[in-house]
PDB file of N, CA and C in Angstrom:
ATOM      1  N   UNK A   1      32.497  93.102  44.470  1.00  0.00           N
ATOM      2  CA  UNK A   1      34.273  93.340  44.332  1.00  0.00           C
ATOM      3  C   UNK A   1      34.091  92.250  44.081  1.00  0.00           C
ATOM      4  N   UNK A   2      33.971  90.796  43.344  1.00  0.00           N
ATOM      5  CA  UNK A   2      33.816  90.111  42.834  1.00  0.00           C
ATOM      6  C   UNK A   2      33.205  89.485  41.898  1.00  0.00           C
ATOM      7  N   UNK A   3      32.563  90.579  41.011  1.00  0.00           N
ATOM      8  CA  UNK A   3      32.309  90.734  39.923  1.00  0.00           C
ATOM      9  C   UNK A   3      33.491  90.803  39.080  1.00  0.00           C
ATOM     10  N   UNK A   4      33.901  92.049  39.595  1.00  0.00           N
ATOM     11  CA  UNK A   4      35.309  92.632  39.207  1.00  0.00           C
ATOM     12  C   UNK A   4      36.155  91.281  39.048  1.00  0.00           C
ATOM     13  N   UNK A   5      36.341  90.828  39.929  1.00  0.00           N
ATOM     14  CA  UNK A   5      37.232  90.462  39.966  1.00  0.00           C
ATOM     15  C   UNK A   5      37.532  88.462  38.850  1.00  0.00           C
ATOM     16  N   UNK A   6      35.956  88.606  38.707  1.00  0.00           N
ATOM     17  CA  UNK A   6      35.938  87.284  37.556  1.00  0.00           C
ATOM     18  C   UNK A   6      36.443  87.761  36.188  1.00  0.00           C
ATOM     19  N   UNK A   7      35.510  89.021  36.272  1.00  0.00           N
ATOM     20  CA  UNK A   7      36.236  89.864  34.834  1.00  0.00           C
ATOM     21  C   UNK A   7      37.127  89.977  34.783  1.00  0.00           C
ATOM     22  N   UNK A   8      38.654  90.265  35.335  1.00  0.00           N
ATOM     23  CA  UNK A   8      39.687  90.228  35.617  1.00  0.00           C
ATOM     24  C   UNK A   8      40.266  88.653  35.666  1.00  0.00           C
ATOM     25  N   UNK A   9      40.050  88.227  36.177  1.00  0.00           N
ATOM     26  CA  UNK A   9      40.418  86.311  36.104  1.00  0.00           C
ATOM     27  C   UNK A   9      39.857  86.247  34.868  1.00  0.00           C
ATOM     28  N   UNK A  10      38.492  86.187  34.423  1.00  0.00           N
ATOM     29  CA  UNK A  10      38.199  85.758  33.867  1.00  0.00           C
ATOM     30  C   UNK A  10      38.596  86.283  31.871  1.00  0.00           C
ATOM     31  N   UNK A  11      39.083  87.805  31.726  1.00  0.00           N
ATOM     32  CA  UNK A  11      40.094  88.854  30.920  1.00  0.00           C
ATOM     33  C   UNK A  11      41.394  87.332  30.579  1.00  0.00           C
ATOM     34  N   UNK A  12      41.876  87.395  32.013  1.00  0.00           N
ATOM     35  CA  UNK A  12      43.209  86.669  32.040  1.00  0.00           C
ATOM     36  C   UNK A  12      43.577  85.009  31.276  1.00  0.00           C
ATOM     37  N   UNK A  13      42.021  84.571  32.248  1.00  0.00           N
ATOM     38  CA  UNK A  13      42.113  83.238  31.673  1.00  0.00           C
ATOM     39  C   UNK A  13      41.533  82.809  30.352  1.00  0.00           C
ATOM     40  N   UNK A  14      40.969  83.709  29.986  1.00  0.00           N
ATOM     41  CA  UNK A  14      39.891  83.636  27.921  1.00  0.00           C
ATOM     42  C   UNK A  14      41.535  84.374  27.890  1.00  0.00           C
ATOM     43  N   UNK A  15      42.601  85.323  27.531  1.00  0.00           N
ATOM     44  CA  UNK A  15      43.325  85.269  26.841  1.00  0.00           C
ATOM     45  C   UNK A  15      44.281  84.106  26.466  1.00  0.00           C
ATOM     46  N   UNK A  16      44.637  83.601  28.168  1.00  0.00           N
ATOM     47  CA  UNK A  16      45.506  82.418  27.440  1.00  0.00           C
ATOM     48  C   UNK A  16      44.708  81.197  27.911  1.00  0.00           C
ATOM     49  N   UNK A  17      43.555  80.773  27.354  1.00  0.00           N
ATOM     50  CA  UNK A  17      42.941  80.166  26.740  1.00  0.00           C
ATOM     51  C   UNK A  17      42.573  79.601  25.017  1.00  0.00           C
ATOM     52  N   UNK A  18      42.457  81.263  24.819  1.00  0.00           N
ATOM     53  CA  UNK A  18      42.351  81.393  23.274  1.00  0.00           C
ATOM     54  C   UNK A  18      43.482  81.384  22.549  1.00  0.00           C
ATOM     55  N   UNK A  19      45.266  81.620  22.760  1.00  0.00           N
ATOM     56  CA  UNK A  19      46.373  81.345  22.579  1.00  0.00           C
ATOM     57  C   UNK A  19      46.638  79.935  22.652  1.00  0.00           C
ATOM     58  N   UNK A  20      46.115  79.578  23.709  1.00  0.00           N
ATOM     59  CA  UNK A  20      47.074  77.912  23.995  1.00  0.00           C
ATOM     60  C   UNK A  20      45.917  77.504  23.210  1.00  0.00           C
ATOM     61  N   UNK A  21      45.204  77.441  22.779  1.00  0.00           N
ATOM     62  CA  UNK A  21      43.749  77.063  21.756  1.00  0.00           C
ATOM     63  C   UNK A  21      44.069  76.818  20.434  1.00  0.00           C
ATOM     64  N   UNK A  22      44.553  78.462  19.656  1.00  0.00           N
ATOM     65  CA  UNK A  22      45.073  79.341  18.953  1.00  0.00           C
ATOM     66  C   UNK A  22      43.772  79.628  18.413  1.00  0.00           C
ATOM     67  N   UNK A  23      43.057  80.247  18.781  1.00  0.00           N
ATOM     68  CA  UNK A  23      41.167  81.276  18.713  1.00  0.00           C
ATOM     69  C   UNK A  23      41.738  82.996  18.762  1.00  0.00           C
ATOM     70  N   UNK A  24      41.345  83.123  17.446  1.00  0.00           N
ATOM     71  CA  UNK A  24      41.198  84.302  17.534  1.00  0.00           C
ATOM     72  C   UNK A  24      39.940  85.046  17.961  1.00  0.00           C
ATOM     73  N   UNK A  25      40.062  85.396  19.082  1.00  0.00           N
ATOM     74  CA  UNK A  25      37.999  86.150  19.188  1.00  0.00           C
ATOM     75  C   UNK A  25      38.458  87.656  19.419  1.00  0.00           C
ATOM     76  N   UNK A  26      37.651  88.571  19.556  1.00  0.00           N
ATOM     77  CA  UNK A  26      37.931  89.182  20.266  1.00  0.00           C
ATOM     78  C   UNK A  26      37.562  89.671  21.496  1.00  0.00           C
ATOM     79  N   UNK A  27      37.891  90.818  22.302  1.00  0.00           N
ATOM     80  CA  UNK A  27      38.472  91.171  23.825  1.00  0.00           C
ATOM     81  C   UNK A  27      36.550  90.599  24.444  1.00  0.00           C
ATOM     82  N   UNK A  28      35.530  91.059  23.715  1.00  0.00           N
ATOM     83  CA  UNK A  28      34.515  90.977  24.554  1.00  0.00           C
ATOM     84  C   UNK A  28      34.474  88.939  24.833  1.00  0.00           C
ATOM     85  N   UNK A  29      34.800  88.100  23.911  1.00  0.00           N
ATOM     86  CA  UNK A  29      34.225  86.852  23.674  1.00  0.00           C
ATOM     87  C   UNK A  29      35.133  86.351  24.373  1.00  0.00           C
ATOM     88  N   UNK A  30      36.885  86.411  24.186  1.00  0.00           N
ATOM     89  CA  UNK A  30      37.564  86.238  24.867  1.00  0.00           C
ATOM     90  C   UNK A  30      37.451  86.608  26.718  1.00  0.00           C
ATOM     91  N   UNK A  31      37.155  87.653  26.999  1.00  0.00           N
ATOM     92  CA  UNK A  31      36.173  87.942  28.456  1.00  0.00           C
ATOM     93  C   UNK A  31      34.979  86.971  28.779  1.00  0.00           C
ATOM     94  N   UNK A  32      34.129  87.110  27.963  1.00  0.00           N
ATOM     95  CA  UNK A  32      33.412  85.507  27.957  1.00  0.00           C
ATOM     96  C   UNK A  32      33.206  84.286  28.693  1.00  0.00           C
ATOM     97  N   UNK A  33      34.733  83.752  27.771  1.00  0.00           N
ATOM     98  CA  UNK A  33      35.067  82.809  27.769  1.00  0.00           C
ATOM     99  C   UNK A  33      35.803  82.273  28.777  1.00  0.00           C
ATOM    100  N   UNK A  34      36.857  82.857  29.172  1.00  0.00           N
ATOM    101  CA  UNK A  34      36.903  83.062  30.076  1.00  0.00           C
ATOM    102  C   UNK A  34      36.374  83.239  31.854  1.00  0.00           C
ATOM    103  N   UNK A  35      36.009  84.274  31.704  1.00  0.00           N
ATOM    104  CA  UNK A  35      34.158  84.210  32.300  1.00  0.00           C
ATOM    105  C   UNK A  35      33.874  82.839  32.649  1.00  0.00           C
ATOM    106  N   UNK A  36      33.492  82.278  31.890  1.00  0.00           N
ATOM    107  CA  UNK A  36      32.430  80.772  31.857  1.00  0.00           C
ATOM    108  C   UNK A  36      33.415  79.811  32.128  1.00  0.00           C
ATOM    109  N   UNK A  37      34.426  79.777  32.054  1.00  0.00           N
ATOM    110  CA  UNK A  37      35.567  79.028  32.107  1.00  0.00           C
ATOM    111  C   UNK A  37      36.069  79.260  33.130  1.00  0.00           C
ATOM    112  N   UNK A  38      35.981  80.140  33.789  1.00  0.00           N
ATOM    113  CA  UNK A  38      36.029  80.597  35.868  1.00  0.00           C
ATOM    114  C   UNK A  38      35.393  79.569  36.268  1.00  0.00           C
ATOM    115  N   UNK A  39      34.145  79.457  35.226  1.00  0.00           N
ATOM    116  CA  UNK A  39      33.184  79.367  36.679  1.00  0.00           C
ATOM    117  C   UNK A  39      33.213  77.452  36.006  1.00  0.00           C
ATOM    118  N   UNK A  40      32.944  76.958  35.122  1.00  0.00           N
ATOM    119  CA  UNK A  40      33.487  75.458  35.098  1.00  0.00           C
ATOM    120  C   UNK A  40      34.856  75.292  35.782  1.00  0.00           C
ATOM    121  N   UNK A  41      35.257  76.105  35.114  1.00  0.00           N
ATOM    122  CA  UNK A  41      36.947  75.161  36.617  1.00  0.00           C
ATOM    123  C   UNK A  41      36.330  75.184  38.051  1.00  0.00           C
ATOM    124  N   UNK A  42      36.090  76.263  38.544  1.00  0.00           N
ATOM    125  CA  UNK A  42      36.278  76.263  39.689  1.00  0.00           C
ATOM    126  C   UNK A  42      35.311  75.927  39.912  1.00  0.00           C
ATOM    127  N   UNK A  43      34.148  75.157  39.771  1.00  0.00           N
ATOM    128  CA  UNK A  43      33.501  73.917  39.919  1.00  0.00           C
ATOM    129  C   UNK A  43      33.884  72.969  40.071  1.00  0.00           C
ATOM    130  N   UNK A  44      34.382  72.223  38.922  1.00  0.00           N
ATOM    131  CA  UNK A  44      35.959  71.495  39.024  1.00  0.00           C
ATOM    132  C   UNK A  44      37.055  71.204  40.153  1.00  0.00           C
ATOM    133  N   UNK A  45      37.121  72.742  40.023  1.00  0.00           N
ATOM    134  CA  UNK A  45      38.347  72.760  40.486  1.00  0.00           C
ATOM    135  C   UNK A  45      38.713  73.060  41.980  1.00  0.00           C
ATOM    136  N   UNK A  46      37.567  73.296  42.724  1.00  0.00           N
ATOM    137  CA  UNK A  46      37.521  74.289  43.751  1.00  0.00           C
ATOM    138  C   UNK A  46      38.090  73.503  44.603  1.00  0.00           C
ATOM    139  N   UNK A  47      38.173  72.234  44.596  1.00  0.00           N
ATOM    140  CA  UNK A  47      39.052  71.200  46.234  1.00  0.00           C
ATOM    141  C   UNK A  47      40.522  72.078  45.718  1.00  0.00           C
ATOM    142  N   UNK A  48      41.257  72.397  44.835  1.00  0.00           N
ATOM    143  CA  UNK A  48      42.451  72.535  44.718  1.00  0.00           C
ATOM    144  C   UNK A  48      42.786  73.537  45.461  1.00  0.00           C
ATOM    145  N   UNK A  49      41.562  74.911  45.694  1.00  0.00           N
ATOM    146  CA  UNK A  49      41.851  76.127  46.413  1.00  0.00           C
ATOM    147  C   UNK A  49      42.560  75.639  47.990  1.00  0.00           C
ATOM    148  N   UNK A  50      42.451  74.798  48.433  1.00  0.00           N
ATOM    149  CA  UNK A  50      42.617  74.528  49.692  1.00  0.00           C
ATOM    150  C   UNK A  50      44.203  74.018  50.003  1.00  0.00           C
ATOM    151  N   UNK A  51      44.813  73.011  49.117  1.00  0.00           N
ATOM    152  CA  UNK A  51      45.802  72.998  48.587  1.00  0.00           C
ATOM    153  C   UNK A  51      46.498  73.385  47.903  1.00  0.00           C
ATOM    154  N   UNK A  52      46.569  74.490  47.120  1.00  0.00           N
ATOM    155  CA  UNK A  52      47.617  75.161  46.095  1.00  0.00           C
ATOM    156  C   UNK A  52      47.251  76.518  46.676  1.00  0.00           C
ATOM    157  N   UNK A  53      45.953  77.517  47.044  1.00  0.00           N
ATOM    158  CA  UNK A  53      45.815  78.437  47.345  1.00  0.00           C
ATOM    159  C   UNK A  53      45.625  79.246  46.104  1.00  0.00           C
ATOM    160  N   UNK A  54      45.275  79.867  46.497  1.00  0.00           N
ATOM    161  CA  UNK A  54      44.893  81.371  44.981  1.00  0.00           C
ATOM    162  C   UNK A  54      45.055  81.015  43.051  1.00  0.00           C
ATOM    163  N   UNK A  55      46.549  80.383  43.213  1.00  0.00           N
ATOM    164  CA  UNK A  55      46.980  80.236  42.240  1.00  0.00           C
ATOM    165  C   UNK A  55      46.018  78.933  41.671  1.00  0.00           C
ATOM    166  N   UNK A  56      45.505  78.430  42.004  1.00  0.00           N
ATOM    167  CA  UNK A  56      44.434  76.586  41.417  1.00  0.00           C
ATOM    168  C   UNK A  56      43.319  77.789  40.997  1.00  0.00           C
ATOM    169  N   UNK A  57      42.774  78.954  41.178  1.00  0.00           N
ATOM    170  CA  UNK A  57      42.028  80.042  40.425  1.00  0.00           C
ATOM    171  C   UNK A  57      41.851  79.603  39.081  1.00  0.00           C
ATOM    172  N   UNK A  58      43.484  80.642  39.126  1.00  0.00           N
ATOM    173  CA  UNK A  58      43.693  80.502  37.549  1.00  0.00           C
ATOM    174  C   UNK A  58      43.948  79.878  36.530  1.00  0.00           C
ATOM    175  N   UNK A  59      44.009  78.826  37.611  1.00  0.00           N
ATOM    176  CA  UNK A  59      44.389  77.026  36.705  1.00  0.00           C
ATOM    177  C   UNK A  59      43.116  77.735  36.367  1.00  0.00           C
ATOM    178  N   UNK A  60      42.317  76.769  37.249  1.00  0.00           N
ATOM    179  CA  UNK A  60      41.167  76.228  36.778  1.00  0.00           C
ATOM    180  C   UNK A  60      40.438  77.198  35.868  1.00  0.00           C
ATOM    181  N   UNK A  61      40.635  78.120  35.692  1.00  0.00           N
ATOM    182  CA  UNK A  61      39.635  78.646  35.112  1.00  0.00           C
ATOM    183  C   UNK A  61      40.086  78.624  33.695  1.00  0.00           C
ATOM    184  N   UNK A  62      41.837  78.853  33.366  1.00  0.00           N
ATOM    185  CA  UNK A  62      42.043  78.798  32.720  1.00  0.00           C
ATOM    186  C   UNK A  62      41.343  77.404  31.760  1.00  0.00           C
ATOM    187  N   UNK A  63      41.743  76.112  32.691  1.00  0.00           N
ATOM    188  CA  UNK A  63      41.628  74.867  32.184  1.00  0.00           C
ATOM    189  C   UNK A  63      39.935  74.523  31.445  1.00  0.00           C
ATOM    190  N   UNK A  64      39.074  75.737  32.307  1.00  0.00           N
ATOM    191  CA  UNK A  64      37.816  75.171  32.550  1.00  0.00           C
ATOM    192  C   UNK A  64      37.535  75.762  30.825  1.00  0.00           C
ATOM    193  N   UNK A  65      38.527  77.493  30.393  1.00  0.00           N
ATOM    194  CA  UNK A  65      38.129  77.860  28.982  1.00  0.00           C
ATOM    195  C   UNK A  65      38.618  77.385  27.707  1.00  0.00           C
ATOM    196  N   UNK A  66      39.462  76.308  28.007  1.00  0.00           N
ATOM    197  CA  UNK A  66      40.164  75.161  27.334  1.00  0.00           C
ATOM    198  C   UNK A  66      39.183  74.855  26.664  1.00  0.00           C
ATOM    199  N   UNK A  67      37.973  73.371  27.396  1.00  0.00           N
ATOM    200  CA  UNK A  67      37.179  72.604  27.649  1.00  0.00           C
ATOM    201  C   UNK A  67      36.079  73.270  27.073  1.00  0.00           C
ATOM    202  N   UNK A  68      35.850  74.485  27.452  1.00  0.00           N
ATOM    203  CA  UNK A  68      34.476  75.488  26.964  1.00  0.00           C
ATOM    204  C   UNK A  68      35.166  75.235  25.171  1.00  0.00           C
ATOM    205  N   UNK A  69      36.076  76.284  25.220  1.00  0.00           N
ATOM    206  CA  UNK A  69      36.436  76.989  23.714  1.00  0.00           C
ATOM    207  C   UNK A  69      36.569  74.827  22.770  1.00  0.00           C
ATOM    208  N   UNK A  70      36.894  74.039  23.483  1.00  0.00           N
ATOM    209  CA  UNK A  70      36.917  72.532  23.040  1.00  0.00           C
ATOM    210  C   UNK A  70      35.153  72.294  22.529  1.00  0.00           C
ATOM    211  N   UNK A  71      34.569  72.462  23.059  1.00  0.00           N
ATOM    212  CA  UNK A  71      33.317  72.047  23.449  1.00  0.00           C
ATOM    213  C   UNK A  71      32.654  72.299  21.919  1.00  0.00           C
ATOM    214  N   UNK A  72      32.727  73.807  22.232  1.00  0.00           N
ATOM    215  CA  UNK A  72      32.611  74.839  21.371  1.00  0.00           C
ATOM    216  C   UNK A  72      33.019  74.635  19.934  1.00  0.00           C
ATOM    217  N   UNK A  73      33.522  74.222  19.954  1.00  0.00           N
ATOM    218  CA  UNK A  73      34.732  73.914  17.949  1.00  0.00           C
ATOM    219  C   UNK A  73      34.143  72.639  18.163  1.00  0.00           C
ATOM    220  N   UNK A  74      34.280  71.267  18.974  1.00  0.00           N
ATOM    221  CA  UNK A  74      33.583  70.347  18.371  1.00  0.00           C
ATOM    222  C   UNK A  74      32.047  69.962  18.243  1.00  0.00           C
ATOM    223  N   UNK A  75      31.458  70.745  19.028  1.00  0.00           N
ATOM    224  CA  UNK A  75      29.591  70.393  18.860  1.00  0.00           C
ATOM    225  C   UNK A  75      28.616  72.297  18.551  1.00  0.00           C
ATOM    226  N   UNK A  76      28.865  73.672  18.064  1.00  0.00           N
ATOM    227  CA  UNK A  76      28.759  74.178  17.251  1.00  0.00           C
ATOM    228  C   UNK A  76      28.967  74.389  16.669  1.00  0.00           C
ATOM    229  N   UNK A  77      30.303  75.154  16.055  1.00  0.00           N
ATOM    230  CA  UNK A  77      30.759  75.433  14.877  1.00  0.00           C
ATOM    231  C   UNK A  77      30.832  74.541  14.053  1.00  0.00           C
ATOM    232  N   UNK A  78      30.221  73.087  13.891  1.00  0.00           N
ATOM    233  CA  UNK A  78      30.666  72.504  13.081  1.00  0.00           C
ATOM    234  C   UNK A  78      29.296  72.449  12.249  1.00  0.00           C
TER     235      UNK A  78
END
């Protein structure tokens, strides 16, 4: 069940992050970006789960995905 949850949250976070960062990607790339962002954001913002509840998971996933997109655009895509 955890993998399904990660894919769903990853898809939502990837969609939001790619739209906020004005990046056009296919669905698989969007999900991968969101899943990686969820992992990064989850590690960085885990303490917010105790404060804000489940909403912080989505916030952390979106922020992590945005950070990943920024790193990709800054260092890899040049």
